[in-house]
Amino acid sequence: LVALTLAHTVTKICLFLLLYPAAGLYYLAELIEEYTVATSRIIKYMILFSTGVLAGLYVFEGFPVLMVGVGLFTNLVYFGLLQTFPYILLSSPNFILSCVLVVVNHYMAFQYFAQEYYPFSEVLAYFTICLWVIPFAFFVSLSAGENVLPSTMQQGDDVVSNYFTKGKRGKRSGILLVFSFLKEAVLPSRQKMY
């Protein structure tokens, strides 16, 4: 009886840890798709805030010049990605360079924090603000540009006929399709039986 209760409790905890973040990501992806202009503005402010934090870490904490410089260059590349937002081509040099710079930033941060002691909360704050938030925002917003009218046109189609035939809003692709599939797999919706 104790083992069964423990297994039931572990199952509830696992569902809590898996379902709520997935539901939150799905909702966040929906919001980003609906409000692309506001999302672009928010990402711009996040990049500016991250830039300010990096500058402050260099001035007040004495972080290495190379580490801060690569972080600032990465933020500059993010501004380049923001110029075409919500249209992000995965094969564009800006996107590929940003992915490489994310890996380089992580490597440099791991090297630095392995040599210098900082409390875990400060290390986590650095990783969250300077390394994770902006790439995560771009990742969640990858599907935002897929359903905007001009991007769904085929060559030779006009905007109006494309909107009424192929560019319907009901179709999902990208990250929203994955989240919709997971939502239906875990929590299937009830359908009317006739």
N, C-alpha and C. Protein backbone atom coordinates (compact mmCIF):
# COMPACT_ATOMS: atom_id res chain seq x y z
N LEU A 1 0.82 -1.19 0.00
CA LEU A 1 0.00 0.00 0.00
C LEU A 1 0.87 1.26 0.00
N VAL A 2 1.97 1.23 0.77
CA VAL A 2 2.87 2.37 0.81
C VAL A 2 3.56 2.56 -0.54
N ALA A 3 3.96 1.44 -1.16
CA ALA A 3 4.62 1.53 -2.47
C ALA A 3 3.66 2.08 -3.52
N LEU A 4 2.39 1.67 -3.45
CA LEU A 4 1.40 2.15 -4.40
C LEU A 4 1.15 3.65 -4.22
N THR A 5 1.07 4.09 -2.98
CA THR A 5 0.89 5.52 -2.71
C THR A 5 2.10 6.32 -3.17
N LEU A 6 3.29 5.79 -2.94
CA LEU A 6 4.51 6.46 -3.38
C LEU A 6 4.56 6.55 -4.91
N ALA A 7 4.19 5.46 -5.59
CA ALA A 7 4.18 5.47 -7.06
C ALA A 7 3.16 6.47 -7.58
N HIS A 8 2.00 6.56 -6.93
CA HIS A 8 0.98 7.51 -7.34
C HIS A 8 1.46 8.95 -7.15
N THR A 9 2.16 9.21 -6.04
CA THR A 9 2.69 10.55 -5.78
C THR A 9 3.77 10.91 -6.79
N VAL A 10 4.65 9.97 -7.10
CA VAL A 10 5.71 10.22 -8.09
C VAL A 10 5.10 10.49 -9.46
N THR A 11 4.05 9.77 -9.81
CA THR A 11 3.37 10.00 -11.09
C THR A 11 2.78 11.40 -11.15
N LYS A 12 2.17 11.84 -10.07
CA LYS A 12 1.60 13.19 -10.04
C LYS A 12 2.69 14.25 -10.17
N ILE A 13 3.80 14.05 -9.49
CA ILE A 13 4.90 15.01 -9.57
C ILE A 13 5.46 15.06 -10.99
N CYS A 14 5.63 13.90 -11.62
CA CYS A 14 6.15 13.87 -12.99
C CYS A 14 5.20 14.56 -13.96
N LEU A 15 3.90 14.32 -13.82
CA LEU A 15 2.93 14.99 -14.68
C LEU A 15 2.97 16.49 -14.47
N PHE A 16 3.09 16.90 -13.21
CA PHE A 16 3.18 18.33 -12.90
C PHE A 16 4.40 18.95 -13.56
N LEU A 17 5.54 18.28 -13.47
CA LEU A 17 6.78 18.83 -14.01
C LEU A 17 6.81 18.81 -15.53
N LEU A 18 6.05 17.93 -16.16
CA LEU A 18 6.05 17.85 -17.62
C LEU A 18 4.93 18.64 -18.27
N LEU A 19 3.74 18.58 -17.69
CA LEU A 19 2.59 19.19 -18.36
C LEU A 19 2.55 20.71 -18.23
N TYR A 20 2.83 21.24 -17.07
CA TYR A 20 2.71 22.68 -16.90
C TYR A 20 3.73 23.46 -17.72
N PRO A 21 5.00 23.04 -17.77
CA PRO A 21 5.91 23.77 -18.68
C PRO A 21 5.50 23.64 -20.14
N ALA A 22 5.02 22.46 -20.55
CA ALA A 22 4.59 22.27 -21.93
C ALA A 22 3.38 23.15 -22.24
N ALA A 23 2.43 23.23 -21.31
CA ALA A 23 1.27 24.09 -21.52
C ALA A 23 1.68 25.55 -21.56
N GLY A 24 2.63 25.92 -20.70
CA GLY A 24 3.13 27.29 -20.72
C GLY A 24 3.82 27.64 -22.02
N LEU A 25 4.63 26.72 -22.54
CA LEU A 25 5.30 26.95 -23.82
C LEU A 25 4.30 27.07 -24.96
N TYR A 26 3.28 26.23 -24.94
CA TYR A 26 2.26 26.30 -25.97
C TYR A 26 1.55 27.66 -25.94
N TYR A 27 1.18 28.09 -24.74
CA TYR A 27 0.51 29.38 -24.60
C TYR A 27 1.43 30.52 -25.02
N LEU A 28 2.70 30.43 -24.65
CA LEU A 28 3.68 31.45 -25.03
C LEU A 28 3.84 31.50 -26.54
N ALA A 29 3.91 30.34 -27.19
CA ALA A 29 4.03 30.31 -28.65
C ALA A 29 2.79 30.91 -29.32
N GLU A 30 1.62 30.66 -28.76
CA GLU A 30 0.39 31.26 -29.29
C GLU A 30 0.43 32.78 -29.16
N LEU A 31 0.84 33.28 -28.00
CA LEU A 31 0.92 34.73 -27.79
C LEU A 31 1.91 35.38 -28.75
N ILE A 32 3.06 34.75 -28.91
CA ILE A 32 4.09 35.30 -29.80
C ILE A 32 3.57 35.33 -31.24
N GLU A 33 2.84 34.30 -31.63
CA GLU A 33 2.31 34.27 -33.00
C GLU A 33 1.28 35.37 -33.22
N GLU A 34 0.48 35.67 -32.22
CA GLU A 34 -0.56 36.68 -32.35
C GLU A 34 -0.01 38.11 -32.26
N TYR A 35 1.01 38.32 -31.46
CA TYR A 35 1.52 39.67 -31.21
C TYR A 35 3.00 39.77 -31.59
N THR A 36 3.29 39.67 -32.87
CA THR A 36 4.69 39.66 -33.31
C THR A 36 5.37 41.00 -33.12
N VAL A 37 4.65 42.10 -33.28
CA VAL A 37 5.27 43.42 -33.10
C VAL A 37 5.66 43.64 -31.64
N ALA A 38 4.76 43.30 -30.73
CA ALA A 38 5.07 43.43 -29.31
C ALA A 38 6.19 42.47 -28.91
N THR A 39 6.20 41.28 -29.47
CA THR A 39 7.26 40.32 -29.19
C THR A 39 8.61 40.85 -29.65
N SER A 40 8.63 41.44 -30.83
CA SER A 40 9.88 42.03 -31.34
C SER A 40 10.38 43.11 -30.40
N ARG A 41 9.49 43.93 -29.92
CA ARG A 41 9.87 45.00 -28.99
C ARG A 41 10.39 44.42 -27.67
N ILE A 42 9.74 43.39 -27.16
CA ILE A 42 10.17 42.76 -25.91
C ILE A 42 11.55 42.13 -26.08
N ILE A 43 11.78 41.44 -27.20
CA ILE A 43 13.09 40.84 -27.44
C ILE A 43 14.16 41.92 -27.56
N LYS A 44 13.82 43.04 -28.18
CA LYS A 44 14.77 44.15 -28.28
C LYS A 44 15.16 44.65 -26.90
N TYR A 45 14.18 44.81 -26.01
CA TYR A 45 14.48 45.26 -24.64
C TYR A 45 15.28 44.22 -23.87
N MET A 46 15.01 42.95 -24.12
CA MET A 46 15.80 41.90 -23.46
C MET A 46 17.25 41.94 -23.91
N ILE A 47 17.48 42.20 -25.20
CA ILE A 47 18.86 42.30 -25.70
C ILE A 47 19.55 43.51 -25.08
N LEU A 48 18.84 44.64 -25.00
CA LEU A 48 19.44 45.82 -24.38
C LEU A 48 19.74 45.59 -22.90
N PHE A 49 18.85 44.92 -22.19
CA PHE A 49 19.07 44.62 -20.78
C PHE A 49 20.27 43.69 -20.62
N SER A 50 20.37 42.67 -21.46
CA SER A 50 21.51 41.75 -21.41
C SER A 50 22.81 42.48 -21.70
N THR A 51 22.78 43.41 -22.63
CA THR A 51 23.96 44.21 -22.94
C THR A 51 24.37 45.05 -21.74
N GLY A 52 23.41 45.65 -21.06
CA GLY A 52 23.70 46.42 -19.86
C GLY A 52 24.27 45.56 -18.75
N VAL A 53 23.74 44.36 -18.59
CA VAL A 53 24.26 43.44 -17.56
C VAL A 53 25.69 43.05 -17.88
N LEU A 54 25.97 42.74 -19.15
CA LEU A 54 27.34 42.37 -19.53
C LEU A 54 28.31 43.52 -19.29
N ALA A 55 27.90 44.72 -19.64
CA ALA A 55 28.76 45.89 -19.40
C ALA A 55 28.99 46.09 -17.91
N GLY A 56 27.95 45.91 -17.11
CA GLY A 56 28.08 46.04 -15.66
C GLY A 56 28.98 44.97 -15.07
N LEU A 57 28.89 43.75 -15.59
CA LEU A 57 29.76 42.68 -15.10
C LEU A 57 31.23 42.98 -15.41
N TYR A 58 31.47 43.60 -16.56
CA TYR A 58 32.85 43.95 -16.89
C TYR A 58 33.36 45.08 -16.00
N VAL A 59 32.55 46.10 -15.82
CA VAL A 59 32.98 47.28 -15.06
C VAL A 59 33.06 47.00 -13.57
N PHE A 60 32.03 46.37 -13.00
CA PHE A 60 31.96 46.24 -11.56
C PHE A 60 32.50 44.91 -11.02
N GLU A 61 32.41 43.85 -11.81
CA GLU A 61 32.84 42.54 -11.33
C GLU A 61 34.17 42.08 -11.92
N GLY A 62 34.66 42.76 -12.93
CA GLY A 62 35.94 42.39 -13.52
C GLY A 62 35.89 41.12 -14.34
N PHE A 63 34.77 40.87 -15.01
CA PHE A 63 34.70 39.70 -15.89
C PHE A 63 35.70 39.85 -17.04
N PRO A 64 36.18 38.74 -17.60
CA PRO A 64 37.18 38.82 -18.67
C PRO A 64 36.67 39.59 -19.89
N VAL A 65 37.56 40.33 -20.50
CA VAL A 65 37.23 41.16 -21.66
C VAL A 65 36.73 40.29 -22.82
N LEU A 66 37.38 39.16 -23.04
CA LEU A 66 37.01 38.29 -24.16
C LEU A 66 35.60 37.73 -23.98
N MET A 67 35.30 37.31 -22.76
CA MET A 67 33.98 36.73 -22.48
C MET A 67 32.88 37.79 -22.65
N VAL A 68 33.11 38.96 -22.12
CA VAL A 68 32.12 40.05 -22.26
C VAL A 68 32.04 40.50 -23.72
N GLY A 69 33.17 40.57 -24.40
CA GLY A 69 33.18 40.99 -25.80
C GLY A 69 32.42 40.03 -26.70
N VAL A 70 32.60 38.73 -26.47
CA VAL A 70 31.86 37.74 -27.27
C VAL A 70 30.37 37.84 -26.95
N GLY A 71 30.02 38.08 -25.68
CA GLY A 71 28.62 38.26 -25.32
C GLY A 71 28.00 39.48 -25.98
N LEU A 72 28.75 40.58 -26.03
CA LEU A 72 28.25 41.79 -26.68
C LEU A 72 28.11 41.59 -28.20
N PHE A 73 29.08 40.87 -28.79
CA PHE A 73 28.99 40.58 -30.23
C PHE A 73 27.79 39.68 -30.51
N THR A 74 27.52 38.74 -29.61
CA THR A 74 26.35 37.88 -29.77
C THR A 74 25.07 38.71 -29.73
N ASN A 75 25.00 39.68 -28.82
CA ASN A 75 23.82 40.55 -28.77
C ASN A 75 23.68 41.37 -30.05
N LEU A 76 24.79 41.75 -30.64
CA LEU A 76 24.76 42.46 -31.92
C LEU A 76 24.19 41.57 -33.02
N VAL A 77 24.59 40.30 -33.01
CA VAL A 77 24.05 39.34 -33.98
C VAL A 77 22.55 39.14 -33.75
N TYR A 78 22.13 39.12 -32.47
CA TYR A 78 20.70 39.01 -32.17
C TYR A 78 19.93 40.20 -32.73
N PHE A 79 20.52 41.39 -32.67
CA PHE A 79 19.87 42.55 -33.28
C PHE A 79 19.71 42.35 -34.79
N GLY A 80 20.69 41.69 -35.41
CA GLY A 80 20.58 41.36 -36.83
C GLY A 80 19.42 40.42 -37.10
N LEU A 81 19.23 39.45 -36.22
CA LEU A 81 18.08 38.54 -36.37
C LEU A 81 16.76 39.27 -36.17
N LEU A 82 16.79 40.26 -35.32
CA LEU A 82 15.57 41.02 -35.02
C LEU A 82 15.13 41.89 -36.20
N GLN A 83 16.05 42.21 -37.09
CA GLN A 83 15.71 43.06 -38.25
C GLN A 83 14.70 42.39 -39.17
N THR A 84 14.73 41.06 -39.26
CA THR A 84 13.80 40.34 -40.14
C THR A 84 12.71 39.62 -39.36
N PHE A 85 12.62 39.87 -38.06
CA PHE A 85 11.65 39.19 -37.22
C PHE A 85 10.24 39.48 -37.69
N PRO A 86 9.33 38.57 -37.79
CA PRO A 86 9.32 37.19 -37.35
C PRO A 86 9.82 36.19 -38.39
N TYR A 87 10.37 36.67 -39.49
CA TYR A 87 10.89 35.77 -40.52
C TYR A 87 12.33 35.43 -40.20
N ILE A 88 12.57 34.25 -39.70
CA ILE A 88 13.92 33.81 -39.38
C ILE A 88 14.22 32.59 -40.25
N LEU A 89 15.16 32.77 -41.15
CA LEU A 89 15.58 31.65 -42.00
C LEU A 89 16.64 30.85 -41.26
N LEU A 90 16.41 29.54 -41.14
CA LEU A 90 17.35 28.70 -40.43
C LEU A 90 18.66 28.53 -41.17
N SER A 91 18.68 28.87 -42.45
CA SER A 91 19.92 28.76 -43.24
C SER A 91 20.63 30.10 -43.41
N SER A 92 20.11 31.16 -42.79
CA SER A 92 20.74 32.46 -42.94
C SER A 92 22.05 32.51 -42.14
N PRO A 93 23.03 33.24 -42.63
CA PRO A 93 24.31 33.34 -41.91
C PRO A 93 24.15 33.92 -40.51
N ASN A 94 23.22 34.85 -40.34
CA ASN A 94 22.97 35.44 -39.02
C ASN A 94 22.50 34.40 -38.02
N PHE A 95 21.57 33.53 -38.44
CA PHE A 95 21.05 32.51 -37.55
C PHE A 95 22.12 31.48 -37.22
N ILE A 96 22.88 31.05 -38.22
CA ILE A 96 23.94 30.07 -37.99
C ILE A 96 25.01 30.65 -37.08
N LEU A 97 25.38 31.91 -37.31
CA LEU A 97 26.37 32.56 -36.45
C LEU A 97 25.86 32.70 -35.01
N SER A 98 24.59 32.99 -34.84
CA SER A 98 24.04 33.10 -33.48
C SER A 98 24.08 31.76 -32.78
N CYS A 99 23.81 30.67 -33.49
CA CYS A 99 23.88 29.33 -32.88
C CYS A 99 25.31 28.99 -32.47
N VAL A 100 26.27 29.32 -33.32
CA VAL A 100 27.67 29.06 -32.99
C VAL A 100 28.09 29.90 -31.79
N LEU A 101 27.66 31.15 -31.77
CA LEU A 101 28.02 32.04 -30.65
C LEU A 101 27.39 31.61 -29.33
N VAL A 102 26.21 31.00 -29.38
CA VAL A 102 25.61 30.48 -28.15
C VAL A 102 26.49 29.38 -27.57
N VAL A 103 26.99 28.50 -28.42
CA VAL A 103 27.87 27.42 -27.96
C VAL A 103 29.18 28.00 -27.42
N VAL A 104 29.75 28.97 -28.13
CA VAL A 104 31.01 29.59 -27.69
C VAL A 104 30.81 30.30 -26.36
N ASN A 105 29.70 31.03 -26.19
CA ASN A 105 29.41 31.71 -24.93
C ASN A 105 29.29 30.72 -23.78
N HIS A 106 28.62 29.60 -24.01
CA HIS A 106 28.50 28.59 -22.96
C HIS A 106 29.87 28.02 -22.59
N TYR A 107 30.68 27.73 -23.58
CA TYR A 107 32.02 27.18 -23.31
C TYR A 107 32.84 28.16 -22.48
N MET A 108 32.82 29.43 -22.87
CA MET A 108 33.60 30.43 -22.13
C MET A 108 33.06 30.62 -20.71
N ALA A 109 31.75 30.59 -20.55
CA ALA A 109 31.16 30.74 -19.21
C ALA A 109 31.53 29.55 -18.32
N PHE A 110 31.45 28.34 -18.88
CA PHE A 110 31.82 27.16 -18.09
C PHE A 110 33.29 27.22 -17.69
N GLN A 111 34.14 27.65 -18.60
CA GLN A 111 35.57 27.77 -18.28
C GLN A 111 35.78 28.81 -17.19
N TYR A 112 35.13 29.94 -17.28
CA TYR A 112 35.33 31.00 -16.31
C TYR A 112 34.82 30.60 -14.93
N PHE A 113 33.61 30.05 -14.88
CA PHE A 113 33.04 29.70 -13.58
C PHE A 113 33.67 28.45 -12.98
N ALA A 114 34.39 27.68 -13.77
CA ALA A 114 35.16 26.55 -13.21
C ALA A 114 36.40 27.07 -12.50
N GLN A 115 36.93 28.22 -12.93
CA GLN A 115 38.14 28.77 -12.33
C GLN A 115 37.83 29.75 -11.20
N GLU A 116 36.76 30.51 -11.31
CA GLU A 116 36.38 31.51 -10.31
C GLU A 116 35.16 31.03 -9.54
N TYR A 117 35.19 31.19 -8.23
CA TYR A 117 34.05 30.79 -7.41
C TYR A 117 33.02 31.92 -7.33
N TYR A 118 31.78 31.57 -7.64
CA TYR A 118 30.62 32.43 -7.43
C TYR A 118 29.52 31.55 -6.86
N PRO A 119 28.65 32.08 -6.02
CA PRO A 119 27.52 31.28 -5.53
C PRO A 119 26.66 30.79 -6.70
N PHE A 120 26.03 29.65 -6.49
CA PHE A 120 25.23 29.04 -7.55
C PHE A 120 24.15 29.97 -8.07
N SER A 121 23.53 30.74 -7.18
CA SER A 121 22.46 31.64 -7.61
C SER A 121 22.97 32.71 -8.57
N GLU A 122 24.19 33.19 -8.35
CA GLU A 122 24.76 34.20 -9.25
C GLU A 122 25.14 33.59 -10.60
N VAL A 123 25.66 32.37 -10.57
CA VAL A 123 25.99 31.69 -11.82
C VAL A 123 24.72 31.43 -12.62
N LEU A 124 23.68 30.97 -11.93
CA LEU A 124 22.40 30.72 -12.60
C LEU A 124 21.81 32.01 -13.16
N ALA A 125 21.95 33.11 -12.43
CA ALA A 125 21.46 34.40 -12.92
C ALA A 125 22.21 34.82 -14.18
N TYR A 126 23.54 34.62 -14.20
CA TYR A 126 24.31 34.96 -15.39
C TYR A 126 23.85 34.13 -16.59
N PHE A 127 23.74 32.83 -16.39
CA PHE A 127 23.32 31.97 -17.50
C PHE A 127 21.92 32.33 -17.98
N THR A 128 21.02 32.61 -17.06
CA THR A 128 19.65 32.91 -17.45
C THR A 128 19.57 34.23 -18.22
N ILE A 129 20.15 35.29 -17.67
CA ILE A 129 20.01 36.62 -18.28
C ILE A 129 20.87 36.78 -19.52
N CYS A 130 22.10 36.31 -19.46
CA CYS A 130 23.05 36.59 -20.55
C CYS A 130 23.12 35.50 -21.61
N LEU A 131 22.69 34.27 -21.29
CA LEU A 131 22.87 33.19 -22.26
C LEU A 131 21.59 32.50 -22.70
N TRP A 132 20.57 32.43 -21.88
CA TRP A 132 19.42 31.58 -22.20
C TRP A 132 18.17 32.32 -22.64
N VAL A 133 17.87 33.47 -22.09
CA VAL A 133 16.57 34.10 -22.30
C VAL A 133 16.36 34.50 -23.76
N ILE A 134 17.34 35.13 -24.36
CA ILE A 134 17.17 35.63 -25.73
C ILE A 134 17.11 34.49 -26.75
N PRO A 135 18.02 33.50 -26.71
CA PRO A 135 17.86 32.37 -27.65
C PRO A 135 16.55 31.62 -27.45
N PHE A 136 16.11 31.50 -26.19
CA PHE A 136 14.83 30.85 -25.93
C PHE A 136 13.68 31.63 -26.56
N ALA A 137 13.72 32.94 -26.46
CA ALA A 137 12.66 33.76 -27.06
C ALA A 137 12.65 33.60 -28.58
N PHE A 138 13.82 33.57 -29.20
CA PHE A 138 13.86 33.35 -30.65
C PHE A 138 13.38 31.94 -31.00
N PHE A 139 13.73 30.95 -30.19
CA PHE A 139 13.31 29.57 -30.46
C PHE A 139 11.79 29.43 -30.40
N VAL A 140 11.19 29.99 -29.38
CA VAL A 140 9.74 29.89 -29.24
C VAL A 140 9.03 30.66 -30.36
N SER A 141 9.65 31.71 -30.87
CA SER A 141 9.00 32.52 -31.89
C SER A 141 9.33 32.06 -33.31
N LEU A 142 9.97 30.92 -33.49
CA LEU A 142 10.28 30.46 -34.84
C LEU A 142 9.04 30.23 -35.69
N SER A 143 7.95 29.80 -35.09
CA SER A 143 6.74 29.53 -35.87
C SER A 143 5.90 30.78 -36.11
N ALA A 144 6.29 31.92 -35.56
CA ALA A 144 5.47 33.13 -35.69
C ALA A 144 5.40 33.63 -37.12
N GLY A 145 6.45 33.49 -37.90
CA GLY A 145 6.46 34.02 -39.26
C GLY A 145 5.87 33.10 -40.29
N GLU A 146 5.44 31.91 -39.90
CA GLU A 146 4.97 30.94 -40.88
C GLU A 146 3.56 31.21 -41.38
N ASN A 147 2.73 31.88 -40.60
CA ASN A 147 1.35 32.09 -40.98
C ASN A 147 1.00 33.52 -41.32
N VAL A 148 2.02 34.35 -41.50
CA VAL A 148 1.78 35.73 -41.91
C VAL A 148 1.54 35.71 -43.41
N LEU A 149 0.59 36.50 -43.88
CA LEU A 149 0.12 36.39 -45.26
C LEU A 149 1.21 36.42 -46.34
N PRO A 150 2.05 37.41 -46.44
CA PRO A 150 2.97 37.43 -47.57
C PRO A 150 3.94 36.26 -47.60
N SER A 151 4.25 35.65 -46.47
CA SER A 151 5.22 34.57 -46.49
C SER A 151 4.62 33.25 -46.94
N THR A 152 3.27 33.14 -46.97
CA THR A 152 2.66 31.88 -47.35
C THR A 152 2.29 31.85 -48.83
N MET A 153 2.61 32.89 -49.57
CA MET A 153 2.27 32.95 -50.99
C MET A 153 3.24 32.12 -51.82
N GLN A 154 2.72 31.48 -52.81
CA GLN A 154 3.54 30.81 -53.81
C GLN A 154 3.77 31.80 -54.95
N GLN A 155 4.81 31.55 -55.71
CA GLN A 155 5.10 32.44 -56.83
C GLN A 155 3.96 32.40 -57.83
N GLY A 156 3.48 33.56 -58.21
CA GLY A 156 2.39 33.66 -59.16
C GLY A 156 1.03 33.83 -58.52
N ASP A 157 0.90 33.60 -57.22
CA ASP A 157 -0.37 33.78 -56.52
C ASP A 157 -0.52 35.24 -56.11
N ASP A 158 -1.76 35.68 -56.02
CA ASP A 158 -1.98 37.00 -55.45
C ASP A 158 -2.38 36.84 -53.99
N VAL A 159 -2.29 37.91 -53.23
CA VAL A 159 -2.48 37.87 -51.78
C VAL A 159 -3.88 37.41 -51.41
N VAL A 160 -4.90 37.90 -52.08
CA VAL A 160 -6.28 37.62 -51.70
C VAL A 160 -6.63 36.15 -51.94
N SER A 161 -6.33 35.63 -53.13
CA SER A 161 -6.67 34.22 -53.38
C SER A 161 -5.85 33.29 -52.50
N ASN A 162 -4.62 33.66 -52.21
CA ASN A 162 -3.81 32.83 -51.33
C ASN A 162 -4.39 32.79 -49.92
N TYR A 163 -4.92 33.92 -49.46
CA TYR A 163 -5.49 33.97 -48.12
C TYR A 163 -6.72 33.07 -48.01
N PHE A 164 -7.57 33.08 -49.02
CA PHE A 164 -8.80 32.31 -48.93
C PHE A 164 -8.64 30.85 -49.27
N THR A 165 -7.56 30.46 -49.91
CA THR A 165 -7.41 29.06 -50.29
C THR A 165 -6.34 28.34 -49.48
N LYS A 166 -5.09 28.77 -49.61
CA LYS A 166 -3.99 28.02 -48.99
C LYS A 166 -3.56 28.57 -47.65
N GLY A 167 -3.70 29.85 -47.43
CA GLY A 167 -3.14 30.46 -46.24
C GLY A 167 -4.07 30.48 -45.04
N LYS A 168 -4.89 29.45 -44.89
CA LYS A 168 -5.86 29.46 -43.79
C LYS A 168 -5.14 29.40 -42.46
N ARG A 169 -5.76 30.02 -41.46
CA ARG A 169 -5.18 30.14 -40.12
C ARG A 169 -5.21 28.81 -39.36
N GLY A 170 -6.09 27.89 -39.74
CA GLY A 170 -6.25 26.65 -39.00
C GLY A 170 -5.04 25.73 -39.10
N LYS A 171 -4.23 25.89 -40.11
CA LYS A 171 -3.06 25.03 -40.27
C LYS A 171 -1.97 25.48 -39.32
N ARG A 172 -1.33 24.53 -38.67
CA ARG A 172 -0.24 24.81 -37.76
C ARG A 172 1.00 24.09 -38.27
N SER A 173 2.12 24.70 -38.06
CA SER A 173 3.37 24.03 -38.40
C SER A 173 4.43 24.49 -37.42
N GLY A 174 5.55 23.85 -37.47
CA GLY A 174 6.66 24.22 -36.61
C GLY A 174 6.42 23.82 -35.17
N ILE A 175 6.82 24.66 -34.26
CA ILE A 175 6.75 24.35 -32.83
C ILE A 175 5.32 24.26 -32.34
N LEU A 176 4.40 25.03 -32.93
CA LEU A 176 3.00 24.95 -32.50
C LEU A 176 2.39 23.61 -32.88
N LEU A 177 2.81 23.03 -34.00
CA LEU A 177 2.32 21.71 -34.39
C LEU A 177 2.78 20.67 -33.38
N VAL A 178 4.04 20.76 -32.94
CA VAL A 178 4.55 19.81 -31.95
C VAL A 178 3.78 19.95 -30.65
N PHE A 179 3.57 21.20 -30.19
CA PHE A 179 2.84 21.41 -28.94
C PHE A 179 1.38 20.94 -29.06
N SER A 180 0.75 21.16 -30.21
CA SER A 180 -0.62 20.70 -30.40
C SER A 180 -0.69 19.17 -30.36
N PHE A 181 0.29 18.52 -30.98
CA PHE A 181 0.33 17.06 -30.96
C PHE A 181 0.51 16.54 -29.54
N LEU A 182 1.42 17.16 -28.78
CA LEU A 182 1.65 16.72 -27.40
C LEU A 182 0.41 16.95 -26.54
N LYS A 183 -0.27 18.07 -26.76
CA LYS A 183 -1.48 18.36 -25.99
C LYS A 183 -2.55 17.31 -26.27
N GLU A 184 -2.73 16.94 -27.53
CA GLU A 184 -3.73 15.95 -27.88
C GLU A 184 -3.33 14.55 -27.41
N ALA A 185 -2.03 14.27 -27.38
CA ALA A 185 -1.58 12.95 -26.93
C ALA A 185 -1.76 12.79 -25.43
N VAL A 186 -1.50 13.84 -24.68
CA VAL A 186 -1.58 13.75 -23.22
C VAL A 186 -3.00 14.01 -22.74
N LEU A 187 -3.64 15.05 -23.27
CA LEU A 187 -4.99 15.41 -22.86
C LEU A 187 -5.90 15.45 -24.09
N PRO A 188 -6.35 14.28 -24.56
CA PRO A 188 -7.19 14.30 -25.77
C PRO A 188 -8.50 15.03 -25.52
N SER A 189 -8.90 15.81 -26.52
CA SER A 189 -10.16 16.55 -26.38
C SER A 189 -11.34 15.62 -26.63
N ARG A 190 -12.41 15.93 -25.96
CA ARG A 190 -13.61 15.10 -26.14
C ARG A 190 -14.28 15.48 -27.44
N GLN A 191 -14.73 14.47 -28.15
CA GLN A 191 -15.42 14.71 -29.41
C GLN A 191 -16.86 14.20 -29.27
N LYS A 192 -17.78 14.89 -29.92
CA LYS A 192 -19.20 14.50 -29.84
C LYS A 192 -19.42 13.22 -30.62
N MET A 193 -20.19 12.36 -30.04
CA MET A 193 -20.57 11.09 -30.70
C MET A 193 -22.00 11.25 -31.20
N TYR A 194 -22.23 11.02 -32.47
CA TYR A 194 -23.57 11.14 -33.03
C TYR A 194 -24.17 9.78 -33.25
